Amino acid sequence: YLAEILDLSIDDLKYLDIEEVEQALKENPLIKNVSAFYLNSETLYVDYTLRKPVFALADLENTALDLDGHLFPLNPYFTPKKLPELCLGLKEVISFNKPLKGEEIALAAQLYHLLKRDVKRIDLSQIAKSSLGKREIVVILELPNEVKHTLRLSTKNYENQLLDYQILRPAIQEKDLIIDLRVPELAYITST
């Protein structure tokens, strides 16, 4: 794969500029870090780190996202993984060459760290709605007993709302539920 990226043949190996090799590999969306050097006149050594897929981006097919906001293809480069989905509500095609920036990526990373093992899906497509009543974060959790909890959180106090959910969770972990925590100190619980 690396030889393909560099368009290498055995005849070209001794004429490669190390800086050009590293730059060409850094431009690949899969590669996070790279360093290259010659071991001898016939051996080019390439040390690289692949990006770690954290989310499957629901907005684009076959696209993963790492915690730094870099997009890259999943298949055929990674073994099948059960990644949580992230929905950003993207309206245009995004380039793999530039990382996504903005509050959505920071928010997704923070929610991932808070809920890591149970997250099935994070939907941030509604966080910029003009109406406060329609603004929300939706998180779907899959508990160890295959029960699903759908959490509806506000965009401002979601950390406190997640703490409230952790207090409620032992009493409600037997059923698939929608739990609306957007109103302070209240939880509206609906069975699905």
N, C-alpha and C. Protein backbone atom coordinates (compact mmCIF):
# COMPACT_ATOMS: atom_id res chain seq x y z
N TYR A 1 0.83 -1.20 0.00
CA TYR A 1 0.00 0.00 0.00
C TYR A 1 0.87 1.26 0.00
N LEU A 2 1.90 1.26 0.82
CA LEU A 2 2.81 2.42 0.85
C LEU A 2 3.52 2.60 -0.48
N ALA A 3 3.92 1.51 -1.10
CA ALA A 3 4.57 1.60 -2.41
C ALA A 3 3.60 2.17 -3.44
N GLU A 4 2.35 1.81 -3.32
CA GLU A 4 1.33 2.34 -4.23
C GLU A 4 1.14 3.85 -4.03
N ILE A 5 1.09 4.29 -2.78
CA ILE A 5 0.96 5.73 -2.50
C ILE A 5 2.13 6.50 -3.09
N LEU A 6 3.33 5.93 -2.94
CA LEU A 6 4.54 6.60 -3.41
C LEU A 6 4.84 6.34 -4.89
N ASP A 7 4.02 5.49 -5.52
CA ASP A 7 4.21 5.12 -6.92
C ASP A 7 5.63 4.59 -7.13
N LEU A 8 5.98 3.60 -6.30
CA LEU A 8 7.35 3.07 -6.27
C LEU A 8 7.54 1.87 -7.18
N SER A 9 8.70 1.78 -7.73
CA SER A 9 9.18 0.55 -8.34
C SER A 9 10.58 0.31 -7.76
N ILE A 10 11.12 -0.87 -7.95
CA ILE A 10 12.43 -1.19 -7.36
C ILE A 10 13.52 -0.28 -7.94
N ASP A 11 13.34 0.17 -9.17
CA ASP A 11 14.34 1.04 -9.80
C ASP A 11 14.35 2.44 -9.18
N ASP A 12 13.21 2.87 -8.66
CA ASP A 12 13.08 4.22 -8.11
C ASP A 12 13.62 4.35 -6.69
N LEU A 13 13.80 3.25 -6.01
CA LEU A 13 14.05 3.29 -4.57
C LEU A 13 15.24 4.14 -4.17
N LYS A 14 16.35 4.03 -4.89
CA LYS A 14 17.54 4.78 -4.47
C LYS A 14 17.51 6.26 -4.85
N TYR A 15 16.49 6.69 -5.59
CA TYR A 15 16.42 8.09 -6.02
C TYR A 15 15.38 8.90 -5.27
N LEU A 16 14.80 8.33 -4.27
CA LEU A 16 13.73 9.03 -3.55
C LEU A 16 14.29 10.03 -2.54
N ASP A 17 13.67 11.17 -2.49
CA ASP A 17 14.00 12.18 -1.48
C ASP A 17 13.16 11.88 -0.23
N ILE A 18 13.80 11.75 0.92
CA ILE A 18 13.11 11.37 2.16
C ILE A 18 12.01 12.37 2.51
N GLU A 19 12.26 13.65 2.35
CA GLU A 19 11.24 14.66 2.67
C GLU A 19 10.00 14.51 1.78
N GLU A 20 10.22 14.20 0.49
CA GLU A 20 9.09 13.99 -0.43
C GLU A 20 8.31 12.74 -0.05
N VAL A 21 9.02 11.70 0.36
CA VAL A 21 8.36 10.46 0.79
C VAL A 21 7.47 10.75 2.01
N GLU A 22 8.04 11.41 3.01
CA GLU A 22 7.28 11.72 4.22
C GLU A 22 6.08 12.61 3.91
N GLN A 23 6.27 13.60 3.05
CA GLN A 23 5.17 14.51 2.70
C GLN A 23 4.06 13.76 1.97
N ALA A 24 4.42 12.91 1.03
CA ALA A 24 3.42 12.14 0.28
C ALA A 24 2.61 11.24 1.21
N LEU A 25 3.27 10.63 2.17
CA LEU A 25 2.58 9.74 3.11
C LEU A 25 1.72 10.53 4.11
N LYS A 26 2.18 11.71 4.52
CA LYS A 26 1.41 12.54 5.44
C LYS A 26 0.11 13.04 4.80
N GLU A 27 0.10 13.15 3.49
CA GLU A 27 -1.10 13.60 2.78
C GLU A 27 -2.18 12.52 2.73
N ASN A 28 -1.82 11.29 3.04
CA ASN A 28 -2.80 10.21 3.05
C ASN A 28 -3.65 10.33 4.31
N PRO A 29 -4.98 10.30 4.20
CA PRO A 29 -5.83 10.50 5.38
C PRO A 29 -5.70 9.42 6.46
N LEU A 30 -5.23 8.24 6.10
CA LEU A 30 -5.09 7.16 7.08
C LEU A 30 -3.89 7.33 8.00
N ILE A 31 -2.88 8.05 7.55
CA ILE A 31 -1.61 8.10 8.26
C ILE A 31 -1.55 9.33 9.16
N LYS A 32 -1.29 9.08 10.43
CA LYS A 32 -1.22 10.16 11.42
C LYS A 32 0.20 10.74 11.51
N ASN A 33 1.18 9.87 11.70
CA ASN A 33 2.58 10.27 11.80
C ASN A 33 3.42 9.37 10.91
N VAL A 34 4.51 9.92 10.39
CA VAL A 34 5.39 9.11 9.55
C VAL A 34 6.82 9.65 9.63
N SER A 35 7.76 8.73 9.58
CA SER A 35 9.17 9.10 9.41
C SER A 35 9.79 8.03 8.52
N ALA A 36 10.74 8.46 7.69
CA ALA A 36 11.37 7.53 6.75
C ALA A 36 12.88 7.80 6.70
N PHE A 37 13.62 6.74 6.43
CA PHE A 37 15.07 6.88 6.22
C PHE A 37 15.57 5.62 5.52
N TYR A 38 16.75 5.73 4.95
CA TYR A 38 17.37 4.58 4.28
C TYR A 38 18.17 3.76 5.28
N LEU A 39 17.93 2.45 5.28
CA LEU A 39 18.77 1.54 6.06
C LEU A 39 20.04 1.24 5.28
N ASN A 40 19.89 1.09 3.98
CA ASN A 40 21.02 0.94 3.06
C ASN A 40 20.53 1.39 1.68
N SER A 41 21.33 1.21 0.66
CA SER A 41 20.96 1.75 -0.66
C SER A 41 19.74 1.06 -1.27
N GLU A 42 19.36 -0.08 -0.75
CA GLU A 42 18.23 -0.82 -1.31
C GLU A 42 17.04 -0.93 -0.37
N THR A 43 17.14 -0.35 0.82
CA THR A 43 16.07 -0.51 1.80
C THR A 43 15.62 0.84 2.35
N LEU A 44 14.40 1.19 2.05
CA LEU A 44 13.77 2.38 2.60
C LEU A 44 12.94 1.94 3.80
N TYR A 45 13.24 2.49 4.97
CA TYR A 45 12.50 2.15 6.19
C TYR A 45 11.45 3.23 6.44
N VAL A 46 10.19 2.83 6.59
CA VAL A 46 9.10 3.77 6.84
C VAL A 46 8.43 3.37 8.15
N ASP A 47 8.43 4.29 9.09
CA ASP A 47 7.77 4.09 10.38
C ASP A 47 6.55 5.01 10.39
N TYR A 48 5.35 4.43 10.57
CA TYR A 48 4.15 5.24 10.50
C TYR A 48 3.13 4.80 11.56
N THR A 49 2.24 5.71 11.87
CA THR A 49 1.14 5.43 12.79
C THR A 49 -0.16 5.71 12.06
N LEU A 50 -1.07 4.76 12.10
CA LEU A 50 -2.38 4.95 11.49
C LEU A 50 -3.29 5.71 12.46
N ARG A 51 -4.25 6.39 11.91
CA ARG A 51 -5.26 7.06 12.74
C ARG A 51 -6.12 6.00 13.41
N LYS A 52 -6.62 6.31 14.58
CA LYS A 52 -7.47 5.38 15.33
C LYS A 52 -8.93 5.75 15.12
N PRO A 53 -9.70 4.89 14.47
CA PRO A 53 -11.11 5.21 14.28
C PRO A 53 -11.87 5.17 15.61
N VAL A 54 -12.58 6.24 15.92
CA VAL A 54 -13.35 6.31 17.15
C VAL A 54 -14.84 6.31 16.84
N PHE A 55 -15.22 7.00 15.76
CA PHE A 55 -16.63 7.06 15.33
C PHE A 55 -16.74 6.62 13.89
N ALA A 56 -17.88 6.03 13.56
CA ALA A 56 -18.29 5.85 12.18
C ALA A 56 -19.19 7.04 11.87
N LEU A 57 -18.84 7.84 10.89
CA LEU A 57 -19.60 9.04 10.58
C LEU A 57 -20.87 8.64 9.83
N ALA A 58 -22.02 8.89 10.43
CA ALA A 58 -23.30 8.49 9.85
C ALA A 58 -23.65 9.31 8.62
N ASP A 59 -23.09 10.49 8.49
CA ASP A 59 -23.40 11.39 7.38
C ASP A 59 -22.77 10.94 6.06
N LEU A 60 -21.68 10.20 6.12
CA LEU A 60 -20.95 9.77 4.93
C LEU A 60 -20.71 8.27 4.99
N GLU A 61 -20.81 7.62 3.85
CA GLU A 61 -20.61 6.17 3.80
C GLU A 61 -19.13 5.83 3.93
N ASN A 62 -18.84 4.75 4.63
CA ASN A 62 -17.49 4.21 4.79
C ASN A 62 -16.50 5.27 5.29
N THR A 63 -16.92 6.06 6.26
CA THR A 63 -16.06 7.12 6.77
C THR A 63 -15.95 7.03 8.29
N ALA A 64 -14.72 7.06 8.75
CA ALA A 64 -14.44 7.06 10.19
C ALA A 64 -13.91 8.43 10.57
N LEU A 65 -13.93 8.67 11.87
CA LEU A 65 -13.48 9.95 12.41
C LEU A 65 -12.67 9.64 13.66
N ASP A 66 -11.53 10.32 13.83
CA ASP A 66 -10.78 10.17 15.07
C ASP A 66 -11.12 11.34 16.00
N LEU A 67 -10.56 11.34 17.19
CA LEU A 67 -10.89 12.38 18.16
C LEU A 67 -10.34 13.76 17.80
N ASP A 68 -9.44 13.80 16.83
CA ASP A 68 -8.91 15.08 16.37
C ASP A 68 -9.72 15.67 15.22
N GLY A 69 -10.76 14.95 14.78
CA GLY A 69 -11.62 15.45 13.70
C GLY A 69 -11.18 15.05 12.31
N HIS A 70 -10.21 14.15 12.19
CA HIS A 70 -9.74 13.70 10.87
C HIS A 70 -10.67 12.62 10.32
N LEU A 71 -11.06 12.79 9.07
CA LEU A 71 -11.89 11.82 8.36
C LEU A 71 -10.99 10.88 7.57
N PHE A 72 -11.38 9.61 7.49
CA PHE A 72 -10.63 8.65 6.69
C PHE A 72 -11.52 7.44 6.41
N PRO A 73 -11.22 6.71 5.33
CA PRO A 73 -12.05 5.54 5.00
C PRO A 73 -11.79 4.38 5.97
N LEU A 74 -12.84 3.61 6.23
CA LEU A 74 -12.70 2.43 7.09
C LEU A 74 -12.31 1.20 6.28
N ASN A 75 -13.11 0.90 5.28
CA ASN A 75 -12.88 -0.31 4.48
C ASN A 75 -12.06 0.06 3.26
N PRO A 76 -11.15 -0.70 2.84
CA PRO A 76 -10.72 -2.03 3.31
C PRO A 76 -9.53 -1.99 4.26
N TYR A 77 -9.28 -0.85 4.88
CA TYR A 77 -8.04 -0.66 5.64
C TYR A 77 -8.09 -1.16 7.08
N PHE A 78 -9.28 -1.23 7.66
CA PHE A 78 -9.41 -1.67 9.04
C PHE A 78 -10.31 -2.90 9.09
N THR A 79 -10.05 -3.77 10.05
CA THR A 79 -10.93 -4.91 10.25
C THR A 79 -12.29 -4.38 10.70
N PRO A 80 -13.36 -5.13 10.46
CA PRO A 80 -14.68 -4.64 10.88
C PRO A 80 -14.70 -4.34 12.37
N LYS A 81 -15.22 -3.17 12.69
CA LYS A 81 -15.26 -2.72 14.08
C LYS A 81 -16.68 -2.28 14.41
N LYS A 82 -17.01 -2.41 15.67
CA LYS A 82 -18.30 -1.93 16.15
C LYS A 82 -18.06 -0.55 16.75
N LEU A 83 -18.07 0.45 15.89
CA LEU A 83 -17.82 1.83 16.32
C LEU A 83 -19.13 2.54 16.59
N PRO A 84 -19.13 3.45 17.56
CA PRO A 84 -20.33 4.27 17.74
C PRO A 84 -20.50 5.20 16.55
N GLU A 85 -21.75 5.45 16.18
CA GLU A 85 -22.03 6.36 15.08
C GLU A 85 -22.04 7.79 15.58
N LEU A 86 -21.61 8.69 14.73
CA LEU A 86 -21.68 10.12 15.01
C LEU A 86 -22.42 10.77 13.85
N CYS A 87 -23.50 11.46 14.17
CA CYS A 87 -24.27 12.18 13.16
C CYS A 87 -24.07 13.67 13.39
N LEU A 88 -23.51 14.35 12.39
CA LEU A 88 -23.25 15.78 12.50
C LEU A 88 -24.24 16.62 11.70
N GLY A 89 -25.04 15.98 10.85
CA GLY A 89 -25.97 16.72 10.00
C GLY A 89 -25.26 17.47 8.90
N LEU A 90 -24.20 16.88 8.36
CA LEU A 90 -23.43 17.53 7.29
C LEU A 90 -24.29 17.70 6.06
N LYS A 91 -24.19 18.85 5.43
CA LYS A 91 -25.01 19.14 4.26
C LYS A 91 -24.21 19.13 2.97
N GLU A 92 -22.88 19.12 3.08
CA GLU A 92 -22.04 19.09 1.88
C GLU A 92 -20.99 18.01 2.02
N VAL A 93 -20.39 17.66 0.90
CA VAL A 93 -19.32 16.66 0.90
C VAL A 93 -18.08 17.29 1.53
N ILE A 94 -17.44 16.55 2.41
CA ILE A 94 -16.28 17.03 3.15
C ILE A 94 -15.02 16.36 2.60
N SER A 95 -13.95 17.11 2.52
CA SER A 95 -12.67 16.58 2.05
C SER A 95 -11.98 15.81 3.18
N PHE A 96 -11.30 14.74 2.81
CA PHE A 96 -10.51 13.99 3.78
C PHE A 96 -9.20 14.70 4.11
N ASN A 97 -8.85 15.74 3.36
CA ASN A 97 -7.55 16.40 3.53
C ASN A 97 -7.49 17.33 4.73
N LYS A 98 -8.63 17.84 5.19
CA LYS A 98 -8.63 18.77 6.32
C LYS A 98 -9.47 18.20 7.45
N PRO A 99 -8.99 18.32 8.69
CA PRO A 99 -9.80 17.83 9.81
C PRO A 99 -11.02 18.72 10.02
N LEU A 100 -12.08 18.12 10.52
CA LEU A 100 -13.26 18.89 10.90
C LEU A 100 -12.93 19.67 12.17
N LYS A 101 -13.38 20.87 12.23
CA LYS A 101 -13.16 21.72 13.41
C LYS A 101 -14.52 22.16 13.93
N GLY A 102 -14.52 22.77 15.08
CA GLY A 102 -15.75 23.34 15.60
C GLY A 102 -16.22 22.67 16.87
N GLU A 103 -17.29 23.25 17.40
CA GLU A 103 -17.80 22.77 18.69
C GLU A 103 -18.35 21.36 18.60
N GLU A 104 -18.83 20.94 17.42
CA GLU A 104 -19.39 19.60 17.31
C GLU A 104 -18.34 18.53 17.58
N ILE A 105 -17.14 18.72 17.04
CA ILE A 105 -16.08 17.72 17.23
C ILE A 105 -15.64 17.70 18.69
N ALA A 106 -15.47 18.86 19.30
CA ALA A 106 -15.08 18.93 20.71
C ALA A 106 -16.17 18.30 21.59
N LEU A 107 -17.43 18.57 21.26
CA LEU A 107 -18.56 18.02 22.02
C LEU A 107 -18.62 16.50 21.86
N ALA A 108 -18.44 16.01 20.64
CA ALA A 108 -18.45 14.56 20.40
C ALA A 108 -17.33 13.88 21.18
N ALA A 109 -16.15 14.48 21.19
CA ALA A 109 -15.02 13.91 21.92
C ALA A 109 -15.30 13.88 23.43
N GLN A 110 -15.89 14.95 23.93
CA GLN A 110 -16.19 15.00 25.36
C GLN A 110 -17.26 13.97 25.74
N LEU A 111 -18.31 13.85 24.93
CA LEU A 111 -19.34 12.84 25.19
C LEU A 111 -18.77 11.43 25.10
N TYR A 112 -17.89 11.22 24.15
CA TYR A 112 -17.25 9.91 24.02
C TYR A 112 -16.47 9.56 25.29
N HIS A 113 -15.72 10.51 25.81
CA HIS A 113 -14.95 10.26 27.03
C HIS A 113 -15.86 10.03 28.24
N LEU A 114 -16.98 10.72 28.29
CA LEU A 114 -17.90 10.56 29.42
C LEU A 114 -18.66 9.24 29.38
N LEU A 115 -18.99 8.75 28.18
CA LEU A 115 -19.87 7.59 28.04
C LEU A 115 -19.25 6.43 27.29
N LYS A 116 -17.99 6.43 27.08
CA LYS A 116 -17.23 5.57 26.19
C LYS A 116 -17.81 4.18 25.93
N ARG A 117 -17.93 3.38 26.91
CA ARG A 117 -18.24 1.96 26.67
C ARG A 117 -19.67 1.69 26.24
N ASP A 118 -20.60 2.56 26.56
CA ASP A 118 -22.01 2.29 26.25
C ASP A 118 -22.54 3.02 25.01
N VAL A 119 -21.77 3.93 24.44
CA VAL A 119 -22.29 4.76 23.35
C VAL A 119 -22.50 3.94 22.08
N LYS A 120 -23.69 4.03 21.54
CA LYS A 120 -24.01 3.42 20.25
C LYS A 120 -24.10 4.50 19.18
N ARG A 121 -24.64 5.67 19.54
CA ARG A 121 -24.80 6.76 18.57
C ARG A 121 -24.85 8.10 19.30
N ILE A 122 -24.21 9.10 18.72
CA ILE A 122 -24.30 10.48 19.18
C ILE A 122 -24.81 11.30 18.00
N ASP A 123 -25.92 11.98 18.21
CA ASP A 123 -26.51 12.80 17.14
C ASP A 123 -26.41 14.27 17.55
N LEU A 124 -25.58 15.01 16.82
CA LEU A 124 -25.37 16.43 17.09
C LEU A 124 -25.97 17.29 15.98
N SER A 125 -26.83 16.71 15.17
CA SER A 125 -27.36 17.42 14.01
C SER A 125 -28.34 18.54 14.39
N GLN A 126 -28.83 18.55 15.63
CA GLN A 126 -29.82 19.54 16.04
C GLN A 126 -29.27 20.61 16.98
N ILE A 127 -27.96 20.64 17.21
CA ILE A 127 -27.43 21.55 18.24
C ILE A 127 -27.41 23.02 17.82
N ALA A 128 -27.56 23.30 16.55
CA ALA A 128 -27.50 24.69 16.10
C ALA A 128 -28.85 25.22 15.63
N LYS A 129 -29.94 24.54 15.98
CA LYS A 129 -31.27 24.99 15.58
C LYS A 129 -31.55 26.38 16.13
N SER A 130 -32.29 27.17 15.38
CA SER A 130 -32.59 28.53 15.83
C SER A 130 -33.55 28.53 17.02
N SER A 131 -34.43 27.56 17.08
CA SER A 131 -35.38 27.46 18.19
C SER A 131 -34.74 26.70 19.35
N LEU A 132 -34.75 27.30 20.53
CA LEU A 132 -34.18 26.62 21.71
C LEU A 132 -34.91 25.32 22.02
N GLY A 133 -36.20 25.26 21.75
CA GLY A 133 -36.98 24.05 22.01
C GLY A 133 -36.59 22.88 21.13
N LYS A 134 -36.01 23.15 19.97
CA LYS A 134 -35.60 22.09 19.06
C LYS A 134 -34.11 21.76 19.18
N ARG A 135 -33.37 22.58 19.90
CA ARG A 135 -31.93 22.35 20.09
C ARG A 135 -31.73 21.21 21.07
N GLU A 136 -30.97 20.19 20.67
CA GLU A 136 -30.73 19.06 21.57
C GLU A 136 -29.57 18.21 21.10
N ILE A 137 -29.08 17.43 22.03
CA ILE A 137 -28.11 16.37 21.76
C ILE A 137 -28.86 15.07 22.02
N VAL A 138 -28.74 14.13 21.11
CA VAL A 138 -29.36 12.83 21.31
C VAL A 138 -28.26 11.78 21.38
N VAL A 139 -28.27 11.02 22.45
CA VAL A 139 -27.27 9.97 22.65
C VAL A 139 -28.01 8.66 22.86
N ILE A 140 -27.64 7.66 22.08
CA ILE A 140 -28.21 6.32 22.26
C ILE A 140 -27.15 5.45 22.92
N LEU A 141 -27.53 4.91 24.07
CA LEU A 141 -26.64 4.03 24.83
C LEU A 141 -27.14 2.60 24.70
N GLU A 142 -26.22 1.67 24.56
CA GLU A 142 -26.57 0.26 24.57
C GLU A 142 -25.95 -0.34 25.81
N LEU A 143 -26.80 -0.70 26.77
CA LEU A 143 -26.33 -1.24 28.04
C LEU A 143 -25.87 -2.68 27.87
N PRO A 144 -25.11 -3.21 28.81
CA PRO A 144 -24.59 -4.58 28.68
C PRO A 144 -25.67 -5.64 28.47
N ASN A 145 -26.88 -5.43 28.99
CA ASN A 145 -27.96 -6.41 28.82
C ASN A 145 -28.75 -6.17 27.53
N GLU A 146 -28.17 -5.45 26.56
CA GLU A 146 -28.74 -5.13 25.25
C GLU A 146 -29.96 -4.22 25.32
N VAL A 147 -30.17 -3.57 26.44
CA VAL A 147 -31.22 -2.56 26.58
C VAL A 147 -30.68 -1.26 26.01
N LYS A 148 -31.55 -0.51 25.32
CA LYS A 148 -31.13 0.77 24.75
C LYS A 148 -31.82 1.91 25.48
N HIS A 149 -31.02 2.91 25.85
CA HIS A 149 -31.53 4.15 26.42
C HIS A 149 -31.19 5.28 25.47
N THR A 150 -32.21 6.02 25.08
CA THR A 150 -32.02 7.20 24.24
C THR A 150 -32.12 8.41 25.14
N LEU A 151 -31.02 9.16 25.24
CA LEU A 151 -30.97 10.34 26.09
C LEU A 151 -31.13 11.59 25.24
N ARG A 152 -32.02 12.47 25.66
CA ARG A 152 -32.18 13.77 25.02
C ARG A 152 -31.63 14.79 26.00
N LEU A 153 -30.57 15.49 25.56
CA LEU A 153 -29.84 16.40 26.44
C LEU A 153 -29.84 17.80 25.85
N SER A 154 -29.72 18.79 26.75
CA SER A 154 -29.59 20.17 26.27
C SER A 154 -28.15 20.40 25.82
N THR A 155 -27.95 21.46 25.08
CA THR A 155 -26.60 21.76 24.60
C THR A 155 -25.76 22.49 25.64
N LYS A 156 -26.37 22.97 26.70
CA LYS A 156 -25.63 23.74 27.71
C LYS A 156 -25.29 22.92 28.96
N ASN A 157 -26.24 22.18 29.50
CA ASN A 157 -26.05 21.52 30.80
C ASN A 157 -25.96 20.00 30.67
N TYR A 158 -25.47 19.51 29.55
CA TYR A 158 -25.47 18.07 29.31
C TYR A 158 -24.63 17.30 30.34
N GLU A 159 -23.57 17.89 30.87
CA GLU A 159 -22.75 17.18 31.85
C GLU A 159 -23.55 16.90 33.13
N ASN A 160 -24.29 17.90 33.62
CA ASN A 160 -25.14 17.70 34.80
C ASN A 160 -26.26 16.72 34.50
N GLN A 161 -26.79 16.80 33.29
CA GLN A 161 -27.87 15.88 32.91
C GLN A 161 -27.37 14.44 32.85
N LEU A 162 -26.14 14.25 32.41
CA LEU A 162 -25.56 12.90 32.40
C LEU A 162 -25.34 12.39 33.82
N LEU A 163 -24.98 13.28 34.74
CA LEU A 163 -24.88 12.87 36.15
C LEU A 163 -26.25 12.46 36.69
N ASP A 164 -27.29 13.22 36.34
CA ASP A 164 -28.66 12.85 36.74
C ASP A 164 -29.03 11.47 36.18
N TYR A 165 -28.66 11.23 34.93
CA TYR A 165 -28.94 9.93 34.32
C TYR A 165 -28.22 8.80 35.08
N GLN A 166 -26.98 9.03 35.48
CA GLN A 166 -26.24 8.00 36.21
C GLN A 166 -26.91 7.66 37.53
N ILE A 167 -27.56 8.65 38.15
CA ILE A 167 -28.30 8.40 39.39
C ILE A 167 -29.55 7.57 39.09
N LEU A 168 -30.23 7.87 37.99
CA LEU A 168 -31.45 7.15 37.60
C LEU A 168 -31.18 5.74 37.07
N ARG A 169 -30.08 5.56 36.44
CA ARG A 169 -29.81 4.34 35.67
C ARG A 169 -30.04 3.02 36.41
N PRO A 170 -29.60 2.86 37.64
CA PRO A 170 -29.84 1.57 38.30
C PRO A 170 -31.32 1.20 38.41
N ALA A 171 -32.19 2.20 38.50
CA ALA A 171 -33.62 1.92 38.66
C ALA A 171 -34.33 1.67 37.34
N ILE A 172 -33.70 2.02 36.21
CA ILE A 172 -34.41 1.93 34.92
C ILE A 172 -33.65 1.12 33.88
N GLN A 173 -32.72 0.30 34.27
CA GLN A 173 -31.88 -0.36 33.28
C GLN A 173 -32.47 -1.63 32.67
N GLU A 174 -33.72 -1.95 32.98
CA GLU A 174 -34.33 -3.17 32.46
C GLU A 174 -35.15 -2.97 31.19
N LYS A 175 -35.41 -1.73 30.77
CA LYS A 175 -36.29 -1.48 29.63
C LYS A 175 -35.64 -0.54 28.63
N ASP A 176 -36.07 -0.68 27.35
CA ASP A 176 -35.69 0.29 26.33
C ASP A 176 -36.49 1.55 26.59
N LEU A 177 -35.78 2.68 26.76
CA LEU A 177 -36.44 3.92 27.16
C LEU A 177 -35.90 5.13 26.41
N ILE A 178 -36.74 6.15 26.32
CA ILE A 178 -36.32 7.48 25.90
C ILE A 178 -36.36 8.34 27.15
N ILE A 179 -35.25 8.97 27.47
CA ILE A 179 -35.14 9.75 28.70
C ILE A 179 -34.78 11.18 28.33
N ASP A 180 -35.74 12.08 28.52
CA ASP A 180 -35.55 13.49 28.19
C ASP A 180 -35.10 14.22 29.46
N LEU A 181 -33.87 14.69 29.45
CA LEU A 181 -33.28 15.34 30.63
C LEU A 181 -33.06 16.84 30.41
N ARG A 182 -33.69 17.42 29.40
CA ARG A 182 -33.41 18.81 29.04
C ARG A 182 -33.95 19.83 30.03
N VAL A 183 -34.97 19.47 30.80
CA VAL A 183 -35.51 20.39 31.82
C VAL A 183 -34.76 20.13 33.12
N PRO A 184 -34.18 21.16 33.74
CA PRO A 184 -33.40 20.96 34.96
C PRO A 184 -34.19 20.22 36.06
N GLU A 185 -33.53 19.24 36.65
CA GLU A 185 -34.05 18.46 37.78
C GLU A 185 -35.29 17.64 37.45
N LEU A 186 -35.57 17.42 36.16
CA LEU A 186 -36.68 16.56 35.75
C LEU A 186 -36.20 15.57 34.71
N ALA A 187 -36.82 14.41 34.69
CA ALA A 187 -36.55 13.42 33.66
C ALA A 187 -37.89 12.91 33.16
N TYR A 188 -38.14 13.11 31.87
CA TYR A 188 -39.35 12.57 31.24
C TYR A 188 -38.95 11.24 30.61
N ILE A 189 -39.55 10.16 31.11
CA ILE A 189 -39.16 8.83 30.68
C ILE A 189 -40.32 8.21 29.93
N THR A 190 -40.02 7.74 28.71
CA THR A 190 -41.01 7.12 27.85
C THR A 190 -40.50 5.76 27.42
N SER A 191 -41.36 4.78 27.42
CA SER A 191 -40.98 3.45 26.95
C SER A 191 -41.01 3.44 25.43
N THR A 192 -40.08 2.70 24.82
CA THR A 192 -40.05 2.67 23.34
C THR A 192 -40.79 1.47 22.79
